[in-house]
Each structure stands twice: as C-alpha cells, then as structure tokens.
C-alpha cells in the first residue's frame, strides 16, 4: 500500500483522505505526464452542460457561486476558458482562411492567409494577456474587491464573449448582403451588452446608476485597448509577411 507524498498518510485510493492530494506517479515518460496534464485540463465532465446553461441563462452566476465557495457544481473557470477559447480561435482561423472575414477589396489569397495566421497564432496569446488587464480595469472601478475576484469574472465573461462571437462571425459575409442576418447580428450583440450589465450586477451588487457608469467605463476602455493592440499587431504581421 502506498503513502501520500505530501503528508505520508496510507492511501487506499487515488486521493489522500487527509490532505486530498492525488497520488500521481511521476516516474514515467514525459509524454505520458504531458498527456495526463492535457487530459485533466480539457476533459469535460458531467458538470459541463449545467455550466454552459447557467453561463448564458444566468449572467454572472458562475462567478458568484465560485467566489461563494460553491465550486464543485461547475467546470473550473480556467478549464472552461481554455476549452472555449481554443475552440473559438480554431473556428475563426478557419473562417479567415475561407475568406469569410475579409473586407471588400482584400485579396482572397494573400490577405486571407495572413489573417488566418494572425487569428490562429497571435490573437490567442494577445487575448490571454489582455484578460488580466480587463480584470485590472474592474479592480480600478471596484477597488474594494480582491483582484482574484475580478480575474474569475474576466475568465467567465471572456468565455461567454467567445461563444457569442462564434455565433456572429460565420454570418459576417452573408450579413453584408442580407438585412435580416445583419439584424440578427445586432440582436446578438445587444444580448451580450445586456448580459454584461446583468453579470456585473449579480457579481458586484452595485446600484444601477453606479453599475451603468462603471460598466460603460470598463467596457469602452477595454474595447479601445483591444482595438489598438489588434490593429498594431495585425499591421506588424502584414509588414512581416
């Protein structure tokens, strides 16, 4: 019978009954260890359906429940973000490669390839770096809350935003030619703006006037920042290519 390497308690299962640490055999090939890490990070379990449902039907609830200590009911925030964001960037890179996201007058050959490389290589890293910046903006307007609280909210909000964008972007090319699809995109965008305000309301419990003012400051500042970073980075990518 093995012992826990953390507290030396005798083990009857894969987890220590005293400290809860998992018994992991590190004395094996590196690729096997990496495989286990990837599996644990991206594995979806029985909590996934409830997590996705409450993420969209109850804005801010995942963050509220997580910060209240009720964490076993839902998929962990970082795992949720990684699964959704990687799926999203794979989708948008494919859309770009197909020419769906090109502006009028752009070259379907050269510009589509450059755009696809930017969306698959550069943008995921940029957004991962900007995610804690968004949390910092929240910290500025809600200074009494811990930065960790803002970071968890940022993970959940970005996860929801990627799903919303994944619903909008495939319609981009057709929306330029069909008014109904353009209206549908506007409706989805309006839904997300309402979603953002409701999520902030649930998590931060502020009054409506303060909520509207602070939400506008955070959202506008972040959108300007994201636009500037993407514009400069994509321009550098075009010059480099």
Protein backbone atom coordinates (compact mmCIF):
# COMPACT_ATOMS: atom_id res chain seq x y z
CA UNK A 1 0.00 0.00 0.00
CA UNK A 2 1.42 3.38 -0.99
CA UNK A 3 1.71 6.54 1.06
CA UNK A 4 0.77 10.14 0.31
CA UNK A 5 3.89 12.02 -0.68
CA UNK A 6 2.54 15.19 0.91
CA UNK A 7 1.51 14.04 4.42
CA UNK A 8 2.60 10.37 4.49
CA UNK A 9 -0.93 9.06 5.10
CA UNK A 10 -1.52 5.49 3.91
CA UNK A 11 -3.51 5.50 0.67
CA UNK A 12 -6.49 3.29 -0.15
CA UNK A 13 -7.44 5.19 -3.31
CA UNK A 14 -6.08 7.69 -5.82
CA UNK A 15 -6.67 10.61 -3.42
CA UNK A 16 -5.31 11.14 0.09
CA UNK A 17 -8.10 11.04 2.73
CA UNK A 18 -6.18 13.55 4.89
CA UNK A 19 -4.93 16.31 2.57
CA UNK A 20 -6.76 15.44 -0.65
CA UNK A 21 -3.66 15.30 -2.85
CA UNK A 22 -3.86 12.97 -5.82
CA UNK A 23 -1.37 10.12 -5.97
CA UNK A 24 0.48 10.73 -9.24
CA UNK A 25 3.36 8.56 -10.41
CA UNK A 26 5.98 10.97 -11.77
CA UNK A 27 8.48 8.23 -12.53
CA UNK A 28 7.33 7.62 -16.11
CA UNK A 29 7.95 9.01 -19.62
CA UNK A 30 7.47 12.77 -20.06
CA UNK A 31 4.93 12.33 -22.86
CA UNK A 32 2.74 10.28 -20.54
CA UNK A 33 2.82 13.04 -17.92
CA UNK A 34 2.06 15.72 -20.52
CA UNK A 35 -0.85 13.63 -21.78
CA UNK A 36 -2.33 13.46 -18.28
CA UNK A 37 -2.00 17.24 -17.83
CA UNK A 38 -3.70 17.93 -21.17
CA UNK A 39 -6.45 15.44 -20.38
CA UNK A 40 -7.15 16.96 -16.96
CA UNK A 41 -7.14 20.48 -18.40
CA UNK A 42 -9.52 19.87 -21.29
CA UNK A 43 -11.60 16.96 -20.05
CA UNK A 44 -15.30 17.76 -19.98
CA UNK A 45 -17.39 16.03 -17.34
CA UNK A 46 -20.97 15.86 -16.14
CA UNK A 47 -20.82 19.47 -14.96
CA UNK A 48 -20.33 20.84 -18.47
CA UNK A 49 -23.98 21.01 -19.54
CA UNK A 50 -25.02 22.80 -16.34
CA UNK A 51 -22.04 25.14 -16.63
CA UNK A 52 -22.90 26.19 -20.19
CA UNK A 53 -26.60 26.55 -19.35
CA UNK A 54 -26.00 28.79 -16.34
CA UNK A 55 -23.25 30.71 -18.12
CA UNK A 56 -25.81 32.07 -20.60
CA UNK A 57 -29.15 31.86 -18.80
CA UNK A 58 -27.92 33.35 -15.53
CA UNK A 59 -25.24 36.00 -16.25
CA UNK A 60 -22.65 36.24 -13.51
CA UNK A 61 -23.87 33.18 -11.61
CA UNK A 62 -20.78 31.07 -12.28
CA UNK A 63 -18.54 33.78 -10.83
CA UNK A 64 -20.90 34.43 -7.90
CA UNK A 65 -21.07 30.75 -6.99
CA UNK A 66 -17.32 30.23 -7.40
CA UNK A 67 -16.45 33.17 -5.14
CA UNK A 68 -19.02 31.98 -2.59
CA UNK A 69 -17.07 28.73 -2.31
CA UNK A 70 -19.57 26.52 -4.18
CA UNK A 71 -17.09 25.25 -6.78
CA UNK A 72 -17.86 21.57 -7.32
CA UNK A 73 -21.08 22.18 -9.25
CA UNK A 74 -19.46 23.83 -12.27
CA UNK A 75 -16.48 23.37 -14.57
CA UNK A 76 -13.45 25.30 -13.20
CA UNK A 77 -13.13 28.82 -14.75
CA UNK A 78 -9.70 28.33 -16.31
CA UNK A 79 -10.62 24.98 -17.85
CA UNK A 80 -13.83 26.47 -19.24
CA UNK A 81 -11.92 29.40 -20.73
CA UNK A 82 -9.25 27.20 -22.32
CA UNK A 83 -11.74 24.81 -23.94
CA UNK A 84 -13.97 27.59 -25.28
CA UNK A 85 -11.16 29.93 -26.38
CA UNK A 86 -9.18 27.26 -28.23
CA UNK A 87 -12.34 26.06 -30.00
CA UNK A 88 -13.19 29.67 -30.87
CA UNK A 89 -9.79 30.53 -32.35
CA UNK A 90 -9.76 27.32 -34.39
CA UNK A 91 -13.15 28.35 -35.80
CA UNK A 92 -12.19 31.96 -36.62
CA UNK A 93 -8.90 30.86 -38.20
CA UNK A 94 -10.87 28.52 -40.47
CA UNK A 95 -13.34 31.30 -41.30
CA UNK A 96 -10.47 33.63 -42.14
CA UNK A 97 -8.76 31.03 -44.31
CA UNK A 98 -12.05 30.56 -46.16
CA UNK A 99 -12.21 34.30 -46.86
CA UNK A 100 -15.43 34.84 -44.89
CA UNK A 101 -13.92 37.55 -42.69
CA UNK A 102 -12.26 39.56 -45.47
CA UNK A 103 -13.26 43.18 -46.01
CA UNK A 104 -14.35 44.25 -49.52
CA UNK A 105 -11.34 44.67 -51.80
CA UNK A 106 -8.98 42.41 -49.88
CA UNK A 107 -7.07 39.68 -51.70
CA UNK A 108 -8.66 36.24 -51.03
CA UNK A 109 -5.26 34.66 -51.47
CA UNK A 110 -2.70 36.73 -49.60
CA UNK A 111 -4.92 38.60 -47.13
CA UNK A 112 -6.90 35.52 -46.12
CA UNK A 113 -3.70 33.59 -45.31
CA UNK A 114 -2.24 36.49 -43.30
CA UNK A 115 -5.50 36.96 -41.43
CA UNK A 116 -5.75 33.26 -40.63
CA UNK A 117 -2.18 33.14 -39.26
CA UNK A 118 -2.86 36.19 -37.08
CA UNK A 119 -6.08 34.69 -35.69
CA UNK A 120 -4.52 31.31 -35.00
CA UNK A 121 -1.06 32.36 -33.78
CA UNK A 122 -1.05 35.91 -32.43
CA UNK A 123 -4.57 36.75 -31.25
CA UNK A 124 -5.00 33.84 -28.79
CA UNK A 125 -1.82 34.88 -26.97
CA UNK A 126 -2.79 38.55 -27.05
CA UNK A 127 -6.22 37.88 -25.60
CA UNK A 128 -4.78 35.68 -22.87
CA UNK A 129 -2.50 38.58 -21.89
CA UNK A 130 -5.34 41.11 -22.12
CA UNK A 131 -7.64 39.00 -19.95
CA UNK A 132 -5.90 40.04 -16.67
CA UNK A 133 -5.82 43.62 -17.99
CA UNK A 134 -9.62 43.52 -18.13
CA UNK A 135 -9.58 42.30 -14.54
CA UNK A 136 -7.33 45.25 -13.67
CA UNK A 137 -9.87 47.67 -15.17
CA UNK A 138 -12.52 46.11 -12.96
CA UNK A 139 -10.20 46.48 -9.98
CA UNK A 140 -9.91 50.21 -10.70
CA UNK A 141 -13.68 50.79 -10.58
CA UNK A 142 -14.39 48.20 -7.88
CA UNK A 143 -11.29 48.81 -5.79
CA UNK A 144 -12.57 47.12 -2.62
CA UNK A 145 -12.89 43.72 -4.26
CA UNK A 146 -9.92 41.38 -4.49
CA UNK A 147 -8.11 41.20 -7.83
CA UNK A 148 -8.71 37.44 -7.80
CA UNK A 149 -12.48 38.09 -7.89
CA UNK A 150 -12.09 40.23 -10.99
CA UNK A 151 -9.90 37.61 -12.64
CA UNK A 152 -12.50 34.88 -12.19
CA UNK A 153 -15.18 37.22 -13.57
CA UNK A 154 -12.92 38.01 -16.52
CA UNK A 155 -12.47 34.31 -17.32
CA UNK A 156 -16.22 33.70 -17.32
CA UNK A 157 -17.06 36.85 -19.28
CA UNK A 158 -14.47 36.17 -21.99
CA UNK A 159 -15.74 32.58 -22.27
CA UNK A 160 -19.27 33.87 -22.90
CA UNK A 161 -17.98 36.52 -25.33
CA UNK A 162 -16.18 33.91 -27.45
CA UNK A 163 -19.34 31.83 -27.78
CA UNK A 164 -21.33 34.93 -28.78
CA UNK A 165 -18.70 35.89 -31.36
CA UNK A 166 -18.64 32.32 -32.65
CA UNK A 167 -22.37 32.69 -33.38
CA UNK A 168 -21.93 36.07 -35.09
CA UNK A 169 -18.78 35.72 -37.20
CA UNK A 170 -19.93 32.90 -39.54
CA UNK A 171 -22.72 35.25 -40.65
CA UNK A 172 -20.31 38.10 -41.44
CA UNK A 173 -20.13 37.60 -45.19
CA UNK A 174 -23.85 36.87 -45.67
CA UNK A 175 -24.88 39.73 -43.37
CA UNK A 176 -23.37 42.20 -45.84
CA UNK A 177 -25.94 41.05 -48.40
CA UNK A 178 -28.98 40.13 -46.29
CA UNK A 179 -30.61 42.65 -43.95
CA UNK A 180 -32.23 40.00 -41.75
CA UNK A 181 -28.88 38.42 -40.94
CA UNK A 182 -27.44 41.84 -40.15
CA UNK A 183 -30.36 42.46 -37.79
CA UNK A 184 -29.70 39.07 -36.20
CA UNK A 185 -26.09 40.06 -35.55
CA UNK A 186 -27.26 43.32 -33.95
CA UNK A 187 -29.67 41.39 -31.72
CA UNK A 188 -26.90 39.02 -30.60
CA UNK A 189 -24.61 41.97 -29.88
CA UNK A 190 -27.36 43.70 -27.90
CA UNK A 191 -27.89 40.47 -25.95
CA UNK A 192 -24.24 40.43 -24.95
CA UNK A 193 -24.30 44.06 -23.81
CA UNK A 194 -27.32 43.29 -21.62
CA UNK A 195 -25.57 40.10 -20.49
CA UNK A 196 -22.50 42.09 -19.41
CA UNK A 197 -24.54 44.55 -17.33
CA UNK A 198 -26.55 41.77 -15.67
CA UNK A 199 -23.39 39.79 -14.90
CA UNK A 200 -21.75 42.83 -13.30
CA UNK A 201 -24.93 43.47 -11.32
CA UNK A 202 -25.01 39.92 -9.92
CA UNK A 203 -21.32 39.75 -9.02
CA UNK A 204 -20.66 43.27 -7.73
CA UNK A 205 -24.09 44.09 -6.27
CA UNK A 206 -23.83 47.80 -7.08
CA UNK A 207 -26.68 50.27 -7.60
CA UNK A 208 -28.00 50.77 -11.13
CA UNK A 209 -26.56 54.30 -11.66
CA UNK A 210 -23.12 53.24 -10.43
CA UNK A 211 -23.41 50.00 -12.38
CA UNK A 212 -24.19 51.76 -15.66
CA UNK A 213 -21.38 54.28 -15.21
CA UNK A 214 -18.70 51.78 -14.18
CA UNK A 215 -19.73 49.20 -16.79
CA UNK A 216 -19.50 51.81 -19.55
CA UNK A 217 -16.04 52.92 -18.40
CA UNK A 218 -14.70 49.36 -18.24
CA UNK A 219 -16.24 48.16 -21.50
CA UNK A 220 -15.31 51.22 -23.58
CA UNK A 221 -11.77 51.35 -22.19
CA UNK A 222 -11.25 47.66 -22.85
CA UNK A 223 -12.66 47.77 -26.37
CA UNK A 224 -10.37 50.70 -27.24
CA UNK A 225 -7.40 48.85 -25.79
CA UNK A 226 -8.22 45.62 -27.66
CA UNK A 227 -8.74 47.52 -30.93
CA UNK A 228 -5.41 49.35 -30.62
CA UNK A 229 -3.49 46.18 -29.75
CA UNK A 230 -5.08 44.16 -32.55
CA UNK A 231 -4.60 46.93 -35.11
CA UNK A 232 -0.91 47.38 -34.29
CA UNK A 233 -0.18 43.67 -34.06
CA UNK A 234 -2.02 42.79 -37.28
CA UNK A 235 -0.25 45.65 -39.11
CA UNK A 236 3.09 44.30 -37.93
CA UNK A 237 2.07 40.82 -39.16
CA UNK A 238 1.24 42.21 -42.63
CA UNK A 239 4.56 44.07 -42.83
CA UNK A 240 6.48 41.00 -41.69
CA UNK A 241 4.79 38.84 -44.32
